[in-house]
Amino acid sequence: MFKVTESVDYLDPNPAVAFFDTRWEADEYLSERIHNRVEFEVQHSPYMVSEKNYNDLVQYESTFFNVTEVDEYAVDIDGATD
């Protein structure tokens, strides 16, 4: 089982947490969330975004995610870990 933690920024006191049975599912979710966050920035930017800037945004947004492998017995009903 894999736990994906998504923070809004570096000081986020309550990051979003999602659990997945396989690493593939966790990576798929991670890729989708990063893409959504980057697309939001691109669509709301008053400036043209170059390919280099786009790649930099992807790398920057990736820093707000963490994937860890957890034991299945460590996850309780509420989704929190021990």
PDB file of N, CA and C in Angstrom:
ATOM      1  N   MET A   1       0.856  -1.171   0.000  1.00  0.00           N
ATOM      2  CA  MET A   1       0.000   0.000   0.000  1.00  0.00           C
ATOM      3  C   MET A   1       0.897   1.229   0.000  1.00  0.00           C
ATOM      4  N   PHE A   2       0.459   2.262  -0.722  1.00  0.00           N
ATOM      5  CA  PHE A   2       1.252   3.474  -0.852  1.00  0.00           C
ATOM      6  C   PHE A   2       0.445   4.687  -0.408  1.00  0.00           C
ATOM      7  N   LYS A   3       1.119   5.588   0.271  1.00  0.00           N
ATOM      8  CA  LYS A   3       0.518   6.805   0.793  1.00  0.00           C
ATOM      9  C   LYS A   3       1.093   7.991   0.022  1.00  0.00           C
ATOM     10  N   VAL A   4       0.208   8.811  -0.561  1.00  0.00           N
ATOM     11  CA  VAL A   4       0.628  10.018  -1.265  1.00  0.00           C
ATOM     12  C   VAL A   4       0.193  11.212  -0.427  1.00  0.00           C
ATOM     13  N   THR A   5       1.152  12.051  -0.071  1.00  0.00           N
ATOM     14  CA  THR A   5       0.878  13.248   0.699  1.00  0.00           C
ATOM     15  C   THR A   5       1.060  14.457  -0.213  1.00  0.00           C
ATOM     16  N   GLU A   6       0.034  15.311  -0.272  1.00  0.00           N
ATOM     17  CA  GLU A   6       0.059  16.502  -1.125  1.00  0.00           C
ATOM     18  C   GLU A   6      -0.094  17.745  -0.264  1.00  0.00           C
ATOM     19  N   SER A   7       0.905  18.604  -0.292  1.00  0.00           N
ATOM     20  CA  SER A   7       0.870  19.850   0.457  1.00  0.00           C
ATOM     21  C   SER A   7       0.536  21.010  -0.478  1.00  0.00           C
ATOM     22  N   VAL A   8      -0.115  22.020   0.067  1.00  0.00           N
ATOM     23  CA  VAL A   8      -0.414  23.215  -0.716  1.00  0.00           C
ATOM     24  C   VAL A   8       0.856  24.047  -0.871  1.00  0.00           C
ATOM     25  N   ASP A   9       1.626  24.129   0.207  1.00  0.00           N
ATOM     26  CA  ASP A   9       2.916  24.812   0.192  1.00  0.00           C
ATOM     27  C   ASP A   9       3.798  24.180   1.267  1.00  0.00           C
ATOM     28  N   TYR A  10       4.967  24.743   1.469  1.00  0.00           N
ATOM     29  CA  TYR A  10       5.917  24.130   2.404  1.00  0.00           C
ATOM     30  C   TYR A  10       5.460  24.183   3.857  1.00  0.00           C
ATOM     31  N   LEU A  11       4.591  25.114   4.202  1.00  0.00           N
ATOM     32  CA  LEU A  11       4.143  25.267   5.591  1.00  0.00           C
ATOM     33  C   LEU A  11       2.733  24.728   5.816  1.00  0.00           C
ATOM     34  N   ASP A  12       2.240  23.906   4.914  1.00  0.00           N
ATOM     35  CA  ASP A  12       0.893  23.355   5.018  1.00  0.00           C
ATOM     36  C   ASP A  12       0.775  22.477   6.265  1.00  0.00           C
ATOM     37  N   PRO A  13      -0.063  22.880   7.249  1.00  0.00           N
ATOM     38  CA  PRO A  13      -0.189  22.086   8.473  1.00  0.00           C
ATOM     39  C   PRO A  13      -1.090  20.866   8.315  1.00  0.00           C
ATOM     40  N   ASN A  14      -1.879  20.831   7.239  1.00  0.00           N
ATOM     41  CA  ASN A  14      -2.833  19.742   7.057  1.00  0.00           C
ATOM     42  C   ASN A  14      -2.817  19.269   5.600  1.00  0.00           C
ATOM     43  N   PRO A  15      -1.766  18.557   5.196  1.00  0.00           N
ATOM     44  CA  PRO A  15      -1.686  18.113   3.797  1.00  0.00           C
ATOM     45  C   PRO A  15      -2.729  17.038   3.485  1.00  0.00           C
ATOM     46  N   ALA A  16      -3.133  16.990   2.230  1.00  0.00           N
ATOM     47  CA  ALA A  16      -4.071  15.961   1.774  1.00  0.00           C
ATOM     48  C   ALA A  16      -3.326  14.630   1.677  1.00  0.00           C
ATOM     49  N   VAL A  17      -3.990  13.559   2.079  1.00  0.00           N
ATOM     50  CA  VAL A  17      -3.379  12.232   2.066  1.00  0.00           C
ATOM     51  C   VAL A  17      -4.302  11.281   1.305  1.00  0.00           C
ATOM     52  N   ALA A  18      -3.717  10.503   0.407  1.00  0.00           N
ATOM     53  CA  ALA A  18      -4.473   9.497  -0.342  1.00  0.00           C
ATOM     54  C   ALA A  18      -3.709   8.175  -0.277  1.00  0.00           C
ATOM     55  N   PHE A  19      -4.443   7.068  -0.229  1.00  0.00           N
ATOM     56  CA  PHE A  19      -3.839   5.741  -0.160  1.00  0.00           C
ATOM     57  C   PHE A  19      -4.180   4.949  -1.411  1.00  0.00           C
ATOM     58  N   PHE A  20      -3.217   4.162  -1.884  1.00  0.00           N
ATOM     59  CA  PHE A  20      -3.393   3.357  -3.092  1.00  0.00           C
ATOM     60  C   PHE A  20      -2.820   1.970  -2.865  1.00  0.00           C
ATOM     61  N   ASP A  21      -3.421   0.996  -3.523  1.00  0.00           N
ATOM     62  CA  ASP A  21      -2.977  -0.390  -3.368  1.00  0.00           C
ATOM     63  C   ASP A  21      -1.675  -0.672  -4.105  1.00  0.00           C
ATOM     64  N   THR A  22      -1.461  -0.011  -5.236  1.00  0.00           N
ATOM     65  CA  THR A  22      -0.258  -0.275  -6.031  1.00  0.00           C
ATOM     66  C   THR A  22       0.525   1.000  -6.272  1.00  0.00           C
ATOM     67  N   ARG A  23       1.807   0.842  -6.554  1.00  0.00           N
ATOM     68  CA  ARG A  23       2.660   1.990  -6.859  1.00  0.00           C
ATOM     69  C   ARG A  23       2.201   2.656  -8.158  1.00  0.00           C
ATOM     70  N   TRP A  24       1.736   1.840  -9.110  1.00  0.00           N
ATOM     71  CA  TRP A  24       1.257   2.384 -10.370  1.00  0.00           C
ATOM     72  C   TRP A  24       0.100   3.345 -10.147  1.00  0.00           C
ATOM     73  N   GLU A  25      -0.857   2.984  -9.286  1.00  0.00           N
ATOM     74  CA  GLU A  25      -1.992   3.862  -8.992  1.00  0.00           C
ATOM     75  C   GLU A  25      -1.532   5.153  -8.316  1.00  0.00           C
ATOM     76  N   ALA A  26      -0.580   5.033  -7.394  1.00  0.00           N
ATOM     77  CA  ALA A  26      -0.045   6.207  -6.705  1.00  0.00           C
ATOM     78  C   ALA A  26       0.663   7.129  -7.690  1.00  0.00           C
ATOM     79  N   ASP A  27       1.461   6.565  -8.589  1.00  0.00           N
ATOM     80  CA  ASP A  27       2.168   7.374  -9.579  1.00  0.00           C
ATOM     81  C   ASP A  27       1.206   8.033 -10.562  1.00  0.00           C
ATOM     82  N   GLU A  28       0.160   7.326 -10.935  1.00  0.00           N
ATOM     83  CA  GLU A  28      -0.846   7.881 -11.840  1.00  0.00           C
ATOM     84  C   GLU A  28      -1.545   9.077 -11.191  1.00  0.00           C
ATOM     85  N   TYR A  29      -1.925   8.925  -9.923  1.00  0.00           N
ATOM     86  CA  TYR A  29      -2.553  10.016  -9.176  1.00  0.00           C
ATOM     87  C   TYR A  29      -1.595  11.204  -9.056  1.00  0.00           C
ATOM     88  N   LEU A  30      -0.362  10.913  -8.743  1.00  0.00           N
ATOM     89  CA  LEU A  30       0.664  11.949  -8.594  1.00  0.00           C
ATOM     90  C   LEU A  30       0.837  12.725  -9.897  1.00  0.00           C
ATOM     91  N   SER A  31       0.948  12.027 -10.987  1.00  0.00           N
ATOM     92  CA  SER A  31       1.114  12.657 -12.292  1.00  0.00           C
ATOM     93  C   SER A  31      -0.081  13.544 -12.639  1.00  0.00           C
ATOM     94  N   GLU A  32      -1.271  13.049 -12.365  1.00  0.00           N
ATOM     95  CA  GLU A  32      -2.484  13.813 -12.656  1.00  0.00           C
ATOM     96  C   GLU A  32      -2.570  15.079 -11.806  1.00  0.00           C
ATOM     97  N   ARG A  33      -2.273  14.956 -10.526  1.00  0.00           N
ATOM     98  CA  ARG A  33      -2.350  16.123  -9.629  1.00  0.00           C
ATOM     99  C   ARG A  33      -1.300  17.181 -10.005  1.00  0.00           C
ATOM    100  N   ILE A  34      -0.089  16.748 -10.318  1.00  0.00           N
ATOM    101  CA  ILE A  34       0.950  17.708 -10.717  1.00  0.00           C
ATOM    102  C   ILE A  34       0.526  18.401 -12.010  1.00  0.00           C
ATOM    103  N   HIS A  35       0.026  17.639 -12.973  1.00  0.00           N
ATOM    104  CA  HIS A  35      -0.426  18.220 -14.233  1.00  0.00           C
ATOM    105  C   HIS A  35      -1.531  19.253 -13.997  1.00  0.00           C
ATOM    106  N   ASN A  36      -2.498  18.942 -13.129  1.00  0.00           N
ATOM    107  CA  ASN A  36      -3.589  19.876 -12.837  1.00  0.00           C
ATOM    108  C   ASN A  36      -3.083  21.158 -12.201  1.00  0.00           C
ATOM    109  N   ARG A  37      -2.141  21.027 -11.284  1.00  0.00           N
ATOM    110  CA  ARG A  37      -1.607  22.216 -10.614  1.00  0.00           C
ATOM    111  C   ARG A  37      -0.816  23.088 -11.577  1.00  0.00           C
ATOM    112  N   VAL A  38      -0.026  22.461 -12.439  1.00  0.00           N
ATOM    113  CA  VAL A  38       0.763  23.215 -13.414  1.00  0.00           C
ATOM    114  C   VAL A  38      -0.163  23.879 -14.431  1.00  0.00           C
ATOM    115  N   GLU A  39      -1.159  23.165 -14.911  1.00  0.00           N
ATOM    116  CA  GLU A  39      -2.092  23.739 -15.879  1.00  0.00           C
ATOM    117  C   GLU A  39      -2.833  24.938 -15.292  1.00  0.00           C
ATOM    118  N   PHE A  40      -3.177  24.881 -14.023  1.00  0.00           N
ATOM    119  CA  PHE A  40      -3.818  26.022 -13.374  1.00  0.00           C
ATOM    120  C   PHE A  40      -2.896  27.240 -13.414  1.00  0.00           C
ATOM    121  N   GLU A  41      -1.632  27.032 -13.089  1.00  0.00           N
ATOM    122  CA  GLU A  41      -0.663  28.135 -13.118  1.00  0.00           C
ATOM    123  C   GLU A  41      -0.503  28.698 -14.526  1.00  0.00           C
ATOM    124  N   VAL A  42      -0.437  27.822 -15.508  1.00  0.00           N
ATOM    125  CA  VAL A  42      -0.256  28.267 -16.896  1.00  0.00           C
ATOM    126  C   VAL A  42      -1.477  29.053 -17.363  1.00  0.00           C
ATOM    127  N   GLN A  43      -2.665  28.551 -17.072  1.00  0.00           N
ATOM    128  CA  GLN A  43      -3.886  29.213 -17.521  1.00  0.00           C
ATOM    129  C   GLN A  43      -4.105  30.560 -16.852  1.00  0.00           C
ATOM    130  N   HIS A  44      -3.615  30.733 -15.642  1.00  0.00           N
ATOM    131  CA  HIS A  44      -3.824  31.975 -14.911  1.00  0.00           C
ATOM    132  C   HIS A  44      -2.616  32.906 -14.942  1.00  0.00           C
ATOM    133  N   SER A  45      -1.614  32.549 -15.695  1.00  0.00           N
ATOM    134  CA  SER A  45      -0.431  33.396 -15.805  1.00  0.00           C
ATOM    135  C   SER A  45      -0.692  34.526 -16.800  1.00  0.00           C
ATOM    136  N   PRO A  46      -0.345  35.760 -16.441  1.00  0.00           N
ATOM    137  CA  PRO A  46      -0.531  36.868 -17.391  1.00  0.00           C
ATOM    138  C   PRO A  46       0.549  36.879 -18.479  1.00  0.00           C
ATOM    139  N   TYR A  47       1.530  36.006 -18.345  1.00  0.00           N
ATOM    140  CA  TYR A  47       2.649  35.956 -19.284  1.00  0.00           C
ATOM    141  C   TYR A  47       2.640  34.651 -20.064  1.00  0.00           C
ATOM    142  N   MET A  48       3.308  34.684 -21.185  1.00  0.00           N
ATOM    143  CA  MET A  48       3.469  33.476 -21.987  1.00  0.00           C
ATOM    144  C   MET A  48       4.428  32.539 -21.233  1.00  0.00           C
ATOM    145  N   VAL A  49       4.112  31.271 -21.200  1.00  0.00           N
ATOM    146  CA  VAL A  49       4.938  30.303 -20.485  1.00  0.00           C
ATOM    147  C   VAL A  49       5.727  29.492 -21.511  1.00  0.00           C
ATOM    148  N   SER A  50       7.044  29.589 -21.418  1.00  0.00           N
ATOM    149  CA  SER A  50       7.902  28.838 -22.336  1.00  0.00           C
ATOM    150  C   SER A  50       7.997  27.381 -21.882  1.00  0.00           C
ATOM    151  N   GLU A  51       8.561  26.553 -22.726  1.00  0.00           N
ATOM    152  CA  GLU A  51       8.727  25.141 -22.376  1.00  0.00           C
ATOM    153  C   GLU A  51       9.636  24.985 -21.156  1.00  0.00           C
ATOM    154  N   LYS A  52      10.680  25.811 -21.076  1.00  0.00           N
ATOM    155  CA  LYS A  52      11.581  25.762 -19.917  1.00  0.00           C
ATOM    156  C   LYS A  52      10.829  26.143 -18.647  1.00  0.00           C
ATOM    157  N   ASN A  53      10.013  27.214 -18.726  1.00  0.00           N
ATOM    158  CA  ASN A  53       9.225  27.618 -17.562  1.00  0.00           C
ATOM    159  C   ASN A  53       8.226  26.530 -17.165  1.00  0.00           C
ATOM    160  N   TYR A  54       7.648  25.881 -18.161  1.00  0.00           N
ATOM    161  CA  TYR A  54       6.698  24.798 -17.898  1.00  0.00           C
ATOM    162  C   TYR A  54       7.395  23.658 -17.159  1.00  0.00           C
ATOM    163  N   ASN A  55       8.556  23.268 -17.650  1.00  0.00           N
ATOM    164  CA  ASN A  55       9.309  22.185 -17.003  1.00  0.00           C
ATOM    165  C   ASN A  55       9.738  22.578 -15.596  1.00  0.00           C
ATOM    166  N   ASP A  56      10.096  23.842 -15.411  1.00  0.00           N
ATOM    167  CA  ASP A  56      10.448  24.328 -14.071  1.00  0.00           C
ATOM    168  C   ASP A  56       9.245  24.269 -13.138  1.00  0.00           C
ATOM    169  N   LEU A  57       8.058  24.616 -13.656  1.00  0.00           N
ATOM    170  CA  LEU A  57       6.837  24.531 -12.848  1.00  0.00           C
ATOM    171  C   LEU A  57       6.538  23.094 -12.448  1.00  0.00           C
ATOM    172  N   VAL A  58       6.727  22.163 -13.376  1.00  0.00           N
ATOM    173  CA  VAL A  58       6.501  20.743 -13.063  1.00  0.00           C
ATOM    174  C   VAL A  58       7.447  20.305 -11.952  1.00  0.00           C
ATOM    175  N   GLN A  59       8.698  20.673 -12.063  1.00  0.00           N
ATOM    176  CA  GLN A  59       9.678  20.296 -11.041  1.00  0.00           C
ATOM    177  C   GLN A  59       9.331  20.941  -9.698  1.00  0.00           C
ATOM    178  N   TYR A  60       8.939  22.216  -9.712  1.00  0.00           N
ATOM    179  CA  TYR A  60       8.579  22.918  -8.483  1.00  0.00           C
ATOM    180  C   TYR A  60       7.358  22.283  -7.818  1.00  0.00           C
ATOM    181  N   GLU A  61       6.314  22.029  -8.596  1.00  0.00           N
ATOM    182  CA  GLU A  61       5.099  21.433  -8.031  1.00  0.00           C
ATOM    183  C   GLU A  61       5.362  20.020  -7.504  1.00  0.00           C
ATOM    184  N   SER A  62       6.296  19.320  -8.093  1.00  0.00           N
ATOM    185  CA  SER A  62       6.634  17.967  -7.642  1.00  0.00           C
ATOM    186  C   SER A  62       7.184  17.954  -6.225  1.00  0.00           C
ATOM    187  N   THR A  63       7.748  19.062  -5.789  1.00  0.00           N
ATOM    188  CA  THR A  63       8.323  19.119  -4.444  1.00  0.00           C
ATOM    189  C   THR A  63       7.264  19.092  -3.351  1.00  0.00           C
ATOM    190  N   PHE A  64       6.000  19.308  -3.706  1.00  0.00           N
ATOM    191  CA  PHE A  64       4.930  19.330  -2.713  1.00  0.00           C
ATOM    192  C   PHE A  64       4.269  17.973  -2.517  1.00  0.00           C
ATOM    193  N   PHE A  65       4.830  16.938  -3.130  1.00  0.00           N
ATOM    194  CA  PHE A  65       4.277  15.594  -3.036  1.00  0.00           C
ATOM    195  C   PHE A  65       5.295  14.644  -2.433  1.00  0.00           C
ATOM    196  N   ASN A  66       4.779  13.656  -1.707  1.00  0.00           N
ATOM    197  CA  ASN A  66       5.631  12.631  -1.115  1.00  0.00           C
ATOM    198  C   ASN A  66       4.900  11.292  -1.217  1.00  0.00           C
ATOM    199  N   VAL A  67       5.602  10.279  -1.727  1.00  0.00           N
ATOM    200  CA  VAL A  67       5.033   8.931  -1.830  1.00  0.00           C
ATOM    201  C   VAL A  67       5.823   8.020  -0.913  1.00  0.00           C
ATOM    202  N   THR A  68       5.119   7.326  -0.028  1.00  0.00           N
ATOM    203  CA  THR A  68       5.774   6.385   0.873  1.00  0.00           C
ATOM    204  C   THR A  68       4.999   5.072   0.872  1.00  0.00           C
ATOM    205  N   GLU A  69       5.727   3.991   1.080  1.00  0.00           N
ATOM    206  CA  GLU A  69       5.093   2.684   1.186  1.00  0.00           C
ATOM    207  C   GLU A  69       4.738   2.458   2.651  1.00  0.00           C
ATOM    208  N   VAL A  70       3.504   2.047   2.897  1.00  0.00           N
ATOM    209  CA  VAL A  70       3.046   1.798   4.266  1.00  0.00           C
ATOM    210  C   VAL A  70       2.490   0.383   4.350  1.00  0.00           C
ATOM    211  N   ASP A  71       2.520  -0.172   5.545  1.00  0.00           N
ATOM    212  CA  ASP A  71       1.928  -1.489   5.775  1.00  0.00           C
ATOM    213  C   ASP A  71       0.412  -1.346   5.794  1.00  0.00           C
ATOM    214  N   GLU A  72      -0.273  -2.313   5.256  1.00  0.00           N
ATOM    215  CA  GLU A  72      -1.737  -2.243   5.201  1.00  0.00           C
ATOM    216  C   GLU A  72      -2.354  -2.193   6.588  1.00  0.00           C
ATOM    217  N   TYR A  73      -1.770  -2.877   7.548  1.00  0.00           N
ATOM    218  CA  TYR A  73      -2.335  -2.890   8.896  1.00  0.00           C
ATOM    219  C   TYR A  73      -2.158  -1.547   9.607  1.00  0.00           C
ATOM    220  N   ALA A  74      -1.297  -0.671   9.082  1.00  0.00           N
ATOM    221  CA  ALA A  74      -1.055   0.622   9.722  1.00  0.00           C
ATOM    222  C   ALA A  74      -2.128   1.656   9.366  1.00  0.00           C
ATOM    223  N   VAL A  75      -3.018   1.339   8.420  1.00  0.00           N
ATOM    224  CA  VAL A  75      -4.062   2.271   8.009  1.00  0.00           C
ATOM    225  C   VAL A  75      -5.355   1.907   8.718  1.00  0.00           C
ATOM    226  N   ASP A  76      -5.923   2.866   9.459  1.00  0.00           N
ATOM    227  CA  ASP A  76      -7.189   2.588  10.133  1.00  0.00           C
ATOM    228  C   ASP A  76      -8.362   3.024   9.257  1.00  0.00           C
ATOM    229  N   ILE A  77      -9.550   2.944   9.767  1.00  0.00           N
ATOM    230  CA  ILE A  77     -10.764   3.222   8.997  1.00  0.00           C
ATOM    231  C   ILE A  77     -10.799   4.653   8.503  1.00  0.00           C
ATOM    232  N   ASP A  78     -10.310   5.603   9.274  1.00  0.00           N
ATOM    233  CA  ASP A  78     -10.344   7.014   8.889  1.00  0.00           C
ATOM    234  C   ASP A  78      -9.279   7.361   7.864  1.00  0.00           C
ATOM    235  N   GLY A  79      -8.389   6.443   7.543  1.00  0.00           N
ATOM    236  CA  GLY A  79      -7.341   6.724   6.580  1.00  0.00           C
ATOM    237  C   GLY A  79      -6.059   7.231   7.210  1.00  0.00           C
ATOM    238  N   ALA A  80      -6.065   7.412   8.515  1.00  0.00           N
ATOM    239  CA  ALA A  80      -4.855   7.873   9.204  1.00  0.00           C
ATOM    240  C   ALA A  80      -3.954   6.687   9.496  1.00  0.00           C
ATOM    241  N   THR A  81      -2.656   6.953   9.603  1.00  0.00           N
ATOM    242  CA  THR A  81      -1.725   5.880   9.920  1.00  0.00           C
ATOM    243  C   THR A  81      -1.339   5.949  11.388  1.00  0.00           C
ATOM    244  N   ASP A  82      -0.899   4.824  11.905  1.00  0.00           N
ATOM    245  CA  ASP A  82      -0.456   4.772  13.313  1.00  0.00           C
ATOM    246  C   ASP A  82       0.931   5.350  13.454  1.00  0.00           C
TER     247      ASP A  82
END
